[in-house]
Amino acid sequence: MKKFILDDSLFELFPDAKIEYFTVFNIDNHLMQDNYSYFLDLLKKAKKEAQQYIKIDPFRDNEVVSSWRSVYQKFKKKKGARSSIEALLKRVSQDRDFEPIIPLVDLYNSISLRYGIPCGGENIDAISDNMHLGVTEGGDKFLPLGSDKDEPTLNGEVCYYDDEGAICRCWNWREAQRTMLTEDTKNAVLVTEAATREQAKSLHEAMKELQALVNNVFDVVPNELITLDKNNKEGIIV
């Protein structure tokens, strides 16, 4: 049995932290010629909706951006690390288009853009034993996308990790090659997160919509939506 566990160390920094997740199994995650236009249109519409989150100049003063920057100031991080939602909104502010990557990533990116929240996913079959989110003592092995060099975690860094090392560094900044979603992913866990009560307001609605998209695209019924917080710190993945 694999579990998703929020460590006590996370709540020492962020007592109102909240995670929602669900799993999906037996999918075909390949991007096909006949579904490319669907994902392109989905991302185009999501980009348009995301403009509501970047109405202020300078960029850093927009609420979603400033909120997550405040979160990142409370733990040790790699220089220049930013939340995944800030990275997406930065692209929107620069009027850069989003091209389809792979179905699951396109789906959660569209939700992230529409709701102004971080979303991500991992390959369940690549996770070693339990998946944790907490403050690490550092030294967790981590091989980022596009690199062949280990970039281990820092002491005091918030990250996702398992028995083999880091899964995602600096909370939701960078994915590990080992567990990231690919076209060959069959079984996945999809996650959204909040560090504060304010950030958590739209999590449930966003994840319900993501479930519906997954169901529609893959014709597979996702498993139930699980909420983790300080009162319920662990749930089953598989």
C-alpha atoms as a PDB file:
ATOM      1  CA  MET A   1       0.000   0.000   0.000  1.00  0.00           C
ATOM      2  CA  LYS A   2       1.252   3.471  -0.901  1.00  0.00           C
ATOM      3  CA  LYS A   3       0.143   6.463   1.142  1.00  0.00           C
ATOM      4  CA  PHE A   4       0.194  10.231   0.727  1.00  0.00           C
ATOM      5  CA  ILE A   5       1.420  11.713   4.012  1.00  0.00           C
ATOM      6  CA  LEU A   6       1.681  15.317   5.189  1.00  0.00           C
ATOM      7  CA  ASP A   7       4.501  15.557   7.740  1.00  0.00           C
ATOM      8  CA  ASP A   8       4.099  17.416  11.021  1.00  0.00           C
ATOM      9  CA  SER A   9       6.957  19.661   9.923  1.00  0.00           C
ATOM     10  CA  LEU A  10       4.742  21.135   7.179  1.00  0.00           C
ATOM     11  CA  PHE A  11       2.166  22.320   9.719  1.00  0.00           C
ATOM     12  CA  GLU A  12       4.830  23.872  11.933  1.00  0.00           C
ATOM     13  CA  LEU A  13       5.376  26.359   9.098  1.00  0.00           C
ATOM     14  CA  PHE A  14       1.896  26.360   7.572  1.00  0.00           C
ATOM     15  CA  PRO A  15      -0.787  25.339  10.088  1.00  0.00           C
ATOM     16  CA  ASP A  16      -3.566  25.930   7.535  1.00  0.00           C
ATOM     17  CA  ALA A  17      -1.946  23.962   4.714  1.00  0.00           C
ATOM     18  CA  LYS A  18      -4.389  21.895   2.686  1.00  0.00           C
ATOM     19  CA  ILE A  19      -3.966  19.329  -0.081  1.00  0.00           C
ATOM     20  CA  GLU A  20      -6.576  17.781  -2.339  1.00  0.00           C
ATOM     21  CA  TYR A  21      -5.771  14.837  -4.568  1.00  0.00           C
ATOM     22  CA  PHE A  22      -7.226  11.974  -6.541  1.00  0.00           C
ATOM     23  CA  THR A  23      -5.851   9.028  -8.465  1.00  0.00           C
ATOM     24  CA  VAL A  24      -6.631   7.669 -11.905  1.00  0.00           C
ATOM     25  CA  PHE A  25      -5.656   4.286 -13.339  1.00  0.00           C
ATOM     26  CA  ASN A  26      -5.316   2.588 -16.709  1.00  0.00           C
ATOM     27  CA  ILE A  27      -5.155   5.647 -18.949  1.00  0.00           C
ATOM     28  CA  ASP A  28      -3.570   6.246 -22.351  1.00  0.00           C
ATOM     29  CA  ASN A  29      -1.629   9.469 -21.846  1.00  0.00           C
ATOM     30  CA  HIS A  30      -0.372   9.866 -25.425  1.00  0.00           C
ATOM     31  CA  LEU A  31      -1.010  13.078 -27.310  1.00  0.00           C
ATOM     32  CA  MET A  32      -2.643  12.121 -30.595  1.00  0.00           C
ATOM     33  CA  GLN A  33      -3.217  14.029 -33.799  1.00  0.00           C
ATOM     34  CA  ASP A  34      -6.975  13.750 -33.342  1.00  0.00           C
ATOM     35  CA  ASN A  35      -6.943  15.267 -29.831  1.00  0.00           C
ATOM     36  CA  TYR A  36      -4.247  17.909 -30.291  1.00  0.00           C
ATOM     37  CA  SER A  37      -6.745  20.629 -31.236  1.00  0.00           C
ATOM     38  CA  TYR A  38      -8.859  19.857 -28.151  1.00  0.00           C
ATOM     39  CA  PHE A  39      -5.956  20.489 -25.794  1.00  0.00           C
ATOM     40  CA  LEU A  40      -4.761  23.512 -27.747  1.00  0.00           C
ATOM     41  CA  ASP A  41      -8.206  25.093 -27.438  1.00  0.00           C
ATOM     42  CA  LEU A  42      -8.470  24.146 -23.759  1.00  0.00           C
ATOM     43  CA  LEU A  43      -5.173  25.872 -22.967  1.00  0.00           C
ATOM     44  CA  LYS A  44      -6.052  28.895 -25.082  1.00  0.00           C
ATOM     45  CA  LYS A  45      -9.282  29.430 -23.134  1.00  0.00           C
ATOM     46  CA  ALA A  46      -7.518  28.853 -19.823  1.00  0.00           C
ATOM     47  CA  LYS A  47      -4.877  31.443 -20.713  1.00  0.00           C
ATOM     48  CA  LYS A  48      -7.615  33.979 -21.375  1.00  0.00           C
ATOM     49  CA  GLU A  49      -9.296  33.277 -18.038  1.00  0.00           C
ATOM     50  CA  ALA A  50      -5.952  33.526 -16.213  1.00  0.00           C
ATOM     51  CA  GLN A  51      -5.663  37.177 -17.158  1.00  0.00           C
ATOM     52  CA  GLN A  52      -7.937  37.972 -14.213  1.00  0.00           C
ATOM     53  CA  TYR A  53      -5.023  37.149 -11.893  1.00  0.00           C
ATOM     54  CA  ILE A  54      -2.503  39.560 -13.422  1.00  0.00           C
ATOM     55  CA  LYS A  55      -4.208  42.940 -13.525  1.00  0.00           C
ATOM     56  CA  ILE A  56      -1.618  44.801 -11.446  1.00  0.00           C
ATOM     57  CA  ASP A  57       1.781  46.137 -12.460  1.00  0.00           C
ATOM     58  CA  PRO A  58       4.378  45.144 -11.340  1.00  0.00           C
ATOM     59  CA  PHE A  59       3.696  41.451 -11.834  1.00  0.00           C
ATOM     60  CA  ARG A  60       4.918  40.474  -8.360  1.00  0.00           C
ATOM     61  CA  ASP A  61       2.172  42.541  -6.695  1.00  0.00           C
ATOM     62  CA  ASN A  62      -0.698  40.476  -8.077  1.00  0.00           C
ATOM     63  CA  GLU A  63      -2.419  38.588  -5.257  1.00  0.00           C
ATOM     64  CA  VAL A  64      -1.775  35.029  -6.434  1.00  0.00           C
ATOM     65  CA  VAL A  65       1.880  35.785  -7.127  1.00  0.00           C
ATOM     66  CA  SER A  66       2.546  37.746  -3.945  1.00  0.00           C
ATOM     67  CA  SER A  67       0.734  35.154  -1.835  1.00  0.00           C
ATOM     68  CA  TRP A  68       2.928  32.295  -3.021  1.00  0.00           C
ATOM     69  CA  ARG A  69       6.061  34.418  -2.831  1.00  0.00           C
ATOM     70  CA  SER A  70       5.255  35.016   0.841  1.00  0.00           C
ATOM     71  CA  VAL A  71       4.945  31.255   1.307  1.00  0.00           C
ATOM     72  CA  TYR A  72       8.312  30.653  -0.359  1.00  0.00           C
ATOM     73  CA  GLN A  73       9.971  33.150   1.992  1.00  0.00           C
ATOM     74  CA  LYS A  74       9.217  30.863   4.925  1.00  0.00           C
ATOM     75  CA  PHE A  75      11.376  27.909   3.901  1.00  0.00           C
ATOM     76  CA  LYS A  76      14.799  27.247   2.437  1.00  0.00           C
ATOM     77  CA  LYS A  77      14.738  27.180  -1.342  1.00  0.00           C
ATOM     78  CA  LYS A  78      17.019  27.162  -4.331  1.00  0.00           C
ATOM     79  CA  LYS A  79      17.809  30.642  -5.611  1.00  0.00           C
ATOM     80  CA  GLY A  80      15.228  31.760  -8.144  1.00  0.00           C
ATOM     81  CA  ALA A  81      12.709  29.050  -7.264  1.00  0.00           C
ATOM     82  CA  ARG A  82       9.111  30.167  -7.770  1.00  0.00           C
ATOM     83  CA  SER A  83       5.747  28.438  -7.433  1.00  0.00           C
ATOM     84  CA  SER A  84       4.370  26.603 -10.439  1.00  0.00           C
ATOM     85  CA  ILE A  85       1.384  28.947 -10.651  1.00  0.00           C
ATOM     86  CA  GLU A  86       3.679  31.985 -10.789  1.00  0.00           C
ATOM     87  CA  ALA A  87       5.582  30.381 -13.676  1.00  0.00           C
ATOM     88  CA  LEU A  88       2.339  29.841 -15.597  1.00  0.00           C
ATOM     89  CA  LEU A  89       1.036  33.336 -14.914  1.00  0.00           C
ATOM     90  CA  LYS A  90       4.365  34.810 -15.971  1.00  0.00           C
ATOM     91  CA  ARG A  91       3.879  33.227 -19.379  1.00  0.00           C
ATOM     92  CA  VAL A  92       0.395  34.703 -19.563  1.00  0.00           C
ATOM     93  CA  SER A  93       1.733  38.162 -18.662  1.00  0.00           C
ATOM     94  CA  GLN A  94       4.233  37.834 -21.523  1.00  0.00           C
ATOM     95  CA  ASP A  95       1.432  36.762 -23.892  1.00  0.00           C
ATOM     96  CA  ARG A  96       3.162  33.446 -24.561  1.00  0.00           C
ATOM     97  CA  ASP A  97       0.989  30.660 -25.934  1.00  0.00           C
ATOM     98  CA  PHE A  98       0.657  27.238 -24.332  1.00  0.00           C
ATOM     99  CA  GLU A  99       1.268  24.283 -26.622  1.00  0.00           C
ATOM    100  CA  PRO A 100      -0.082  20.835 -25.688  1.00  0.00           C
ATOM    101  CA  ILE A 101       2.480  18.624 -23.946  1.00  0.00           C
ATOM    102  CA  ILE A 102       0.744  15.451 -22.792  1.00  0.00           C
ATOM    103  CA  PRO A 103      -2.934  15.071 -21.838  1.00  0.00           C
ATOM    104  CA  LEU A 104      -2.683  14.900 -18.034  1.00  0.00           C
ATOM    105  CA  VAL A 105      -0.274  17.833 -17.865  1.00  0.00           C
ATOM    106  CA  ASP A 106      -2.424  19.876 -20.241  1.00  0.00           C
ATOM    107  CA  LEU A 107      -5.508  19.166 -18.141  1.00  0.00           C
ATOM    108  CA  TYR A 108      -4.002  20.178 -14.831  1.00  0.00           C
ATOM    109  CA  ASN A 109      -2.287  23.218 -16.370  1.00  0.00           C
ATOM    110  CA  SER A 110      -5.652  24.392 -17.697  1.00  0.00           C
ATOM    111  CA  ILE A 111      -7.172  24.083 -14.212  1.00  0.00           C
ATOM    112  CA  SER A 112      -4.194  25.805 -12.641  1.00  0.00           C
ATOM    113  CA  LEU A 113      -4.568  28.743 -15.014  1.00  0.00           C
ATOM    114  CA  ARG A 114      -8.329  29.008 -14.632  1.00  0.00           C
ATOM    115  CA  TYR A 115      -8.332  28.914 -10.830  1.00  0.00           C
ATOM    116  CA  GLY A 116      -5.001  30.565 -10.058  1.00  0.00           C
ATOM    117  CA  ILE A 117      -3.734  27.620  -8.015  1.00  0.00           C
ATOM    118  CA  PRO A 118      -0.819  25.168  -8.282  1.00  0.00           C
ATOM    119  CA  CYS A 119      -1.679  21.772  -9.762  1.00  0.00           C
ATOM    120  CA  GLY A 120       0.591  18.834 -10.470  1.00  0.00           C
ATOM    121  CA  GLY A 121       0.781  15.114 -10.932  1.00  0.00           C
ATOM    122  CA  GLU A 122       3.054  12.122 -10.427  1.00  0.00           C
ATOM    123  CA  ASN A 123       3.466   8.678 -11.906  1.00  0.00           C
ATOM    124  CA  ILE A 124       2.224   6.334  -9.195  1.00  0.00           C
ATOM    125  CA  ASP A 125       4.252   3.391 -10.473  1.00  0.00           C
ATOM    126  CA  ALA A 126       7.494   5.379 -10.046  1.00  0.00           C
ATOM    127  CA  ILE A 127       6.813   6.393  -6.436  1.00  0.00           C
ATOM    128  CA  SER A 128       8.782   4.317  -3.934  1.00  0.00           C
ATOM    129  CA  ASP A 129       6.601   3.398  -0.952  1.00  0.00           C
ATOM    130  CA  ASN A 130       4.872   6.466   0.546  1.00  0.00           C
ATOM    131  CA  MET A 131       4.814  10.002  -0.866  1.00  0.00           C
ATOM    132  CA  HIS A 132       5.409  12.742   1.713  1.00  0.00           C
ATOM    133  CA  LEU A 133       5.124  16.512   1.731  1.00  0.00           C
ATOM    134  CA  GLY A 134       7.171  18.127   4.459  1.00  0.00           C
ATOM    135  CA  VAL A 135      10.295  19.973   5.488  1.00  0.00           C
ATOM    136  CA  THR A 136      13.381  17.942   4.629  1.00  0.00           C
ATOM    137  CA  GLU A 137      16.755  17.814   6.353  1.00  0.00           C
ATOM    138  CA  GLY A 138      18.300  18.044   2.893  1.00  0.00           C
ATOM    139  CA  GLY A 139      20.370  15.726   0.748  1.00  0.00           C
ATOM    140  CA  ASP A 140      17.428  14.018  -0.962  1.00  0.00           C
ATOM    141  CA  LYS A 141      18.453  12.846  -4.420  1.00  0.00           C
ATOM    142  CA  PHE A 142      16.893  14.834  -7.226  1.00  0.00           C
ATOM    143  CA  LEU A 143      17.404  14.698 -10.976  1.00  0.00           C
ATOM    144  CA  PRO A 144      15.472  17.518 -12.673  1.00  0.00           C
ATOM    145  CA  LEU A 145      14.110  17.423 -16.196  1.00  0.00           C
ATOM    146  CA  GLY A 146      16.806  18.063 -18.787  1.00  0.00           C
ATOM    147  CA  SER A 147      19.734  17.331 -16.474  1.00  0.00           C
ATOM    148  CA  ASP A 148      22.022  14.385 -15.792  1.00  0.00           C
ATOM    149  CA  LYS A 149      23.384  15.868 -12.554  1.00  0.00           C
ATOM    150  CA  ASP A 150      22.011  15.256  -9.080  1.00  0.00           C
ATOM    151  CA  GLU A 151      20.676  18.446  -7.445  1.00  0.00           C
ATOM    152  CA  PRO A 152      19.851  17.372  -3.868  1.00  0.00           C
ATOM    153  CA  THR A 153      17.438  19.199  -1.600  1.00  0.00           C
ATOM    154  CA  LEU A 154      18.477  21.789   0.971  1.00  0.00           C
ATOM    155  CA  ASN A 155      18.131  21.559   4.734  1.00  0.00           C
ATOM    156  CA  GLY A 156      14.830  23.253   5.603  1.00  0.00           C
ATOM    157  CA  GLU A 157      13.291  22.953   2.140  1.00  0.00           C
ATOM    158  CA  VAL A 158       9.631  22.036   1.702  1.00  0.00           C
ATOM    159  CA  CYS A 159       9.378  19.239  -0.847  1.00  0.00           C
ATOM    160  CA  TYR A 160       7.584  16.110  -1.923  1.00  0.00           C
ATOM    161  CA  TYR A 161       9.713  13.029  -1.346  1.00  0.00           C
ATOM    162  CA  ASP A 162       9.681   9.244  -1.063  1.00  0.00           C
ATOM    163  CA  ASP A 163      12.164   6.523  -0.081  1.00  0.00           C
ATOM    164  CA  GLU A 164      14.371   7.195  -3.105  1.00  0.00           C
ATOM    165  CA  GLY A 165      14.605  10.981  -2.916  1.00  0.00           C
ATOM    166  CA  ALA A 166      12.792  14.169  -3.849  1.00  0.00           C
ATOM    167  CA  ILE A 167       9.720  13.990  -6.074  1.00  0.00           C
ATOM    168  CA  CYS A 168       9.144  17.723  -6.446  1.00  0.00           C
ATOM    169  CA  ARG A 169      11.490  20.372  -5.043  1.00  0.00           C
ATOM    170  CA  CYS A 170      10.631  23.675  -3.334  1.00  0.00           C
ATOM    171  CA  TRP A 171       7.033  22.574  -2.805  1.00  0.00           C
ATOM    172  CA  ASN A 172       5.746  22.807  -6.404  1.00  0.00           C
ATOM    173  CA  TRP A 173       8.687  24.350  -8.254  1.00  0.00           C
ATOM    174  CA  ARG A 174      10.439  21.538 -10.125  1.00  0.00           C
ATOM    175  CA  GLU A 175       9.587  17.907 -10.948  1.00  0.00           C
ATOM    176  CA  ALA A 176      11.957  14.956 -10.754  1.00  0.00           C
ATOM    177  CA  GLN A 177      12.561  12.958 -13.910  1.00  0.00           C
ATOM    178  CA  ARG A 178      11.984   9.776 -11.927  1.00  0.00           C
ATOM    179  CA  THR A 179       8.335  10.367 -11.039  1.00  0.00           C
ATOM    180  CA  MET A 180       7.111  12.966 -13.532  1.00  0.00           C
ATOM    181  CA  LEU A 181       4.201  12.254 -15.850  1.00  0.00           C
ATOM    182  CA  THR A 182       5.085  11.045 -19.353  1.00  0.00           C
ATOM    183  CA  GLU A 183       3.191   9.656 -22.323  1.00  0.00           C
ATOM    184  CA  ASP A 184       3.822   6.179 -20.930  1.00  0.00           C
ATOM    185  CA  THR A 185       2.218   6.949 -17.557  1.00  0.00           C
ATOM    186  CA  LYS A 186      -0.695   4.614 -16.926  1.00  0.00           C
ATOM    187  CA  ASN A 187      -1.495   5.417 -13.308  1.00  0.00           C
ATOM    188  CA  ALA A 188      -1.274   8.894 -11.786  1.00  0.00           C
ATOM    189  CA  VAL A 189      -1.971  10.943  -8.687  1.00  0.00           C
ATOM    190  CA  LEU A 190      -3.122  14.512  -9.355  1.00  0.00           C
ATOM    191  CA  VAL A 191      -2.634  17.132  -6.655  1.00  0.00           C
ATOM    192  CA  THR A 192      -3.466  20.727  -5.806  1.00  0.00           C
ATOM    193  CA  GLU A 193      -2.278  22.574  -2.742  1.00  0.00           C
ATOM    194  CA  ALA A 194      -2.676  25.612  -0.526  1.00  0.00           C
ATOM    195  CA  ALA A 195      -0.515  26.975   2.264  1.00  0.00           C
ATOM    196  CA  THR A 196      -3.143  29.361   3.659  1.00  0.00           C
ATOM    197  CA  ARG A 197      -6.900  29.446   4.167  1.00  0.00           C
ATOM    198  CA  GLU A 198      -7.238  32.117   1.498  1.00  0.00           C
ATOM    199  CA  GLN A 199      -5.398  30.003  -1.063  1.00  0.00           C
ATOM    200  CA  ALA A 200      -7.571  26.995  -0.207  1.00  0.00           C
ATOM    201  CA  LYS A 201     -10.917  28.578  -1.086  1.00  0.00           C
ATOM    202  CA  SER A 202     -11.107  27.288  -4.656  1.00  0.00           C
ATOM    203  CA  LEU A 203      -9.247  23.968  -4.308  1.00  0.00           C
ATOM    204  CA  HIS A 204     -12.278  21.711  -4.102  1.00  0.00           C
ATOM    205  CA  GLU A 205     -14.135  23.264  -7.008  1.00  0.00           C
ATOM    206  CA  ALA A 206     -10.987  23.153  -9.130  1.00  0.00           C
ATOM    207  CA  MET A 207     -10.292  19.498  -8.404  1.00  0.00           C
ATOM    208  CA  LYS A 208     -13.890  18.465  -9.055  1.00  0.00           C
ATOM    209  CA  GLU A 209     -13.582  20.078 -12.464  1.00  0.00           C
ATOM    210  CA  LEU A 210     -10.258  18.331 -13.059  1.00  0.00           C
ATOM    211  CA  GLN A 211     -11.894  15.006 -12.216  1.00  0.00           C
ATOM    212  CA  ALA A 212     -14.601  15.714 -14.788  1.00  0.00           C
ATOM    213  CA  LEU A 213     -12.003  16.568 -17.444  1.00  0.00           C
ATOM    214  CA  VAL A 214     -10.063  13.388 -16.736  1.00  0.00           C
ATOM    215  CA  ASN A 215     -13.252  11.361 -16.993  1.00  0.00           C
ATOM    216  CA  ASN A 216     -14.192  13.006 -20.287  1.00  0.00           C
ATOM    217  CA  VAL A 217     -10.775  12.760 -21.939  1.00  0.00           C
ATOM    218  CA  PHE A 218      -9.777   9.251 -20.871  1.00  0.00           C
ATOM    219  CA  ASP A 219     -13.230   7.714 -20.435  1.00  0.00           C
ATOM    220  CA  VAL A 220     -12.034   6.432 -17.061  1.00  0.00           C
ATOM    221  CA  VAL A 221     -13.696   7.264 -13.748  1.00  0.00           C
ATOM    222  CA  PRO A 222     -11.153   8.824 -11.349  1.00  0.00           C
ATOM    223  CA  ASN A 223     -11.086   7.716  -7.728  1.00  0.00           C
ATOM    224  CA  GLU A 224     -12.610   9.810  -4.955  1.00  0.00           C
ATOM    225  CA  LEU A 225     -11.233  13.217  -4.092  1.00  0.00           C
ATOM    226  CA  ILE A 226      -9.229  13.173  -0.848  1.00  0.00           C
ATOM    227  CA  THR A 227      -8.565  16.183   1.381  1.00  0.00           C
ATOM    228  CA  LEU A 228      -5.503  16.300   3.628  1.00  0.00           C
ATOM    229  CA  ASP A 229      -4.889  18.887   6.352  1.00  0.00           C
ATOM    230  CA  LYS A 230      -3.707  19.088   9.957  1.00  0.00           C
ATOM    231  CA  ASN A 231      -6.695  17.006  11.070  1.00  0.00           C
ATOM    232  CA  ASN A 232      -6.300  14.352   8.386  1.00  0.00           C
ATOM    233  CA  LYS A 233      -2.632  13.971   7.510  1.00  0.00           C
ATOM    234  CA  GLU A 234      -2.611  10.875   5.349  1.00  0.00           C
ATOM    235  CA  GLY A 235      -4.545   9.111   2.620  1.00  0.00           C
ATOM    236  CA  ILE A 236      -4.186   6.077   0.408  1.00  0.00           C
ATOM    237  CA  ILE A 237      -2.742   6.333  -3.083  1.00  0.00           C
ATOM    238  CA  VAL A 238      -2.981   2.678  -4.031  1.00  0.00           C
END
